[in-house]
Amino acid sequence: MTESFQSLRAILLPYAEEMFVMRDDDEVYCLDTHHIMKNGKRMFFASARVSKTYTSFHLMPVYVSPALLTGMSEPLAKRMQGKSCFNFEKPDAALFAELSELTARGHADYRARGYLGA
C-alpha cells in the first residue's frame, strides 16, 4: 500500500458505515451507495486506486454535480483527469485536505439528492 493510497483511502473511511464497501485491498478501496440505478446497479460514490505510475481518486459526485468544483484550487485542478478523477504521483497533504473537503461536499450533495437514504 502506497502512502498516497493510504491517505486517499482514509478520506473515504468515514463514509463506509453508510455505504457498501465494494472492494478493500492493497490496490483499491471502493464505495457504492444504497441507491439502485435504472440499470439495476448501485450508484458509485468514490474510490482510491493504485496504478503503476500514480494513485487515483475517483469522486462521482463531482460528475453528477459539476458545481461542486467551483472554487477548486489550481493545483488540485491540475491533478484532475476527466470529469471525476484526480491523479497523484506522491502524497500532498494540502491537496488531500482539499480533496477531503470536496468529498464531504459531494457526500452532502448525494444526501440532498436522496442517493444515501434518509
Protein backbone atom coordinates (compact mmCIF):
# COMPACT_ATOMS: atom_id res chain seq x y z
CA MET A 1 0.00 0.00 0.00
CA THR A 2 1.47 3.34 -1.01
CA GLU A 3 1.41 6.35 1.27
CA SER A 4 -0.82 8.19 -1.22
CA PHE A 5 -3.27 5.28 -1.33
CA GLN A 6 -3.40 5.08 2.47
CA SER A 7 -4.12 8.82 2.69
CA LEU A 8 -6.79 8.76 -0.04
CA ARG A 9 -8.40 5.65 1.45
CA ALA A 10 -8.51 7.45 4.81
CA ILE A 11 -10.57 10.23 3.20
CA LEU A 12 -13.25 7.65 2.33
CA LEU A 13 -13.26 5.61 5.54
CA PRO A 14 -15.71 7.89 7.42
CA TYR A 15 -18.35 7.23 4.74
CA ALA A 16 -18.05 3.44 4.74
CA GLU A 17 -20.56 2.83 7.53
CA GLU A 18 -23.49 4.13 5.49
CA MET A 19 -22.38 2.70 2.12
CA PHE A 20 -21.27 -0.57 0.59
CA VAL A 21 -17.55 -1.26 0.59
CA MET A 22 -17.28 -2.91 -2.81
CA ARG A 23 -13.57 -3.57 -2.58
CA ASP A 24 -10.94 -3.09 0.12
CA ASP A 25 -7.45 -4.38 -0.60
CA ASP A 26 -3.93 -3.05 -1.21
CA GLU A 27 -4.84 -1.64 -4.64
CA VAL A 28 -8.47 -0.48 -4.49
CA TYR A 29 -10.87 0.94 -1.92
CA CYS A 30 -14.33 1.46 -3.44
CA LEU A 31 -17.63 2.72 -2.02
CA ASP A 32 -21.09 2.43 -3.60
CA THR A 33 -24.32 3.90 -2.26
CA HIS A 34 -27.54 2.06 -1.44
CA HIS A 35 -29.24 3.84 -4.35
CA ILE A 36 -30.13 1.45 -7.18
CA MET A 37 -29.97 3.00 -10.64
CA LYS A 38 -32.22 2.16 -13.61
CA ASN A 39 -29.70 -0.43 -14.80
CA GLY A 40 -30.10 -2.32 -11.51
CA LYS A 41 -26.62 -1.46 -10.20
CA ARG A 42 -25.71 0.52 -7.11
CA MET A 43 -24.63 4.13 -7.61
CA PHE A 44 -20.89 4.65 -7.30
CA PHE A 45 -19.66 7.17 -4.73
CA ALA A 46 -15.85 7.15 -4.74
CA SER A 47 -12.69 5.07 -4.85
CA ALA A 48 -8.95 5.20 -4.39
CA ARG A 49 -6.90 3.09 -6.82
CA VAL A 50 -3.22 2.30 -7.21
CA SER A 51 -1.79 2.06 -10.73
CA LYS A 52 1.79 1.72 -12.00
CA THR A 53 2.57 5.44 -12.12
CA TYR A 54 0.07 7.13 -9.81
CA THR A 55 -2.72 6.74 -7.30
CA SER A 56 -6.12 7.93 -8.44
CA PHE A 57 -9.11 9.21 -6.51
CA HIS A 58 -12.45 8.92 -8.30
CA LEU A 59 -15.26 11.07 -6.88
CA MET A 60 -18.56 10.59 -8.72
CA PRO A 61 -20.47 13.44 -7.02
CA VAL A 62 -18.39 15.98 -8.98
CA TYR A 63 -19.54 14.30 -12.20
CA VAL A 64 -23.17 14.34 -11.07
CA SER A 65 -22.90 17.94 -9.84
CA PRO A 66 -20.01 19.82 -11.51
CA ALA A 67 -20.85 22.92 -9.46
CA LEU A 68 -19.06 21.18 -6.57
CA LEU A 69 -15.80 22.04 -8.36
CA THR A 70 -16.43 25.78 -8.10
CA GLY A 71 -13.59 27.33 -6.15
CA MET A 72 -11.29 24.34 -6.55
CA SER A 73 -7.64 25.34 -6.32
CA GLU A 74 -5.49 25.43 -9.45
CA PRO A 75 -3.06 22.80 -8.05
CA LEU A 76 -5.94 20.36 -7.46
CA ALA A 77 -7.44 21.16 -10.87
CA LYS A 78 -4.10 20.23 -12.45
CA ARG A 79 -4.43 16.77 -10.87
CA MET A 80 -7.83 16.24 -12.47
CA GLN A 81 -8.18 13.88 -15.38
CA GLY A 82 -11.58 13.54 -16.97
CA LYS A 83 -14.64 14.71 -15.08
CA SER A 84 -14.25 12.93 -11.74
CA CYS A 85 -10.71 11.58 -11.35
CA PHE A 86 -7.71 13.08 -9.56
CA ASN A 87 -4.23 11.55 -10.02
CA PHE A 88 -1.32 11.78 -7.59
CA GLU A 89 2.25 10.57 -8.06
CA LYS A 90 3.15 11.34 -4.45
CA PRO A 91 1.35 12.41 -1.26
CA ASP A 92 0.36 16.05 -0.95
CA ALA A 93 -1.18 16.92 2.43
CA ALA A 94 -2.65 20.25 1.29
CA LEU A 95 -4.31 18.77 -1.78
CA PHE A 96 -5.53 15.75 0.16
CA ALA A 97 -7.12 18.11 2.71
CA GLU A 98 -8.86 19.99 -0.10
CA LEU A 99 -9.98 16.70 -1.63
CA SER A 100 -11.34 15.62 1.75
CA GLU A 101 -13.42 18.81 1.90
CA LEU A 102 -14.63 18.23 -1.67
CA THR A 103 -15.58 14.67 -0.74
CA ALA A 104 -17.61 15.96 2.23
CA ARG A 105 -19.44 18.39 -0.06
CA GLY A 106 -20.04 15.58 -2.54
CA HIS A 107 -21.43 13.40 0.23
CA ALA A 108 -23.79 16.22 1.25
CA ASP A 109 -24.85 16.65 -2.39
CA TYR A 110 -25.62 12.94 -2.72
CA ARG A 111 -27.61 13.09 0.52
CA ALA A 112 -29.61 16.09 -0.73
CA ARG A 113 -30.38 14.19 -3.97
CA GLY A 114 -31.63 11.20 -1.97
CA TYR A 115 -28.85 8.84 -3.06
CA LEU A 116 -27.85 7.99 0.52
CA GLY A 117 -31.24 7.41 2.05
CA ALA A 118 -32.72 9.32 4.96
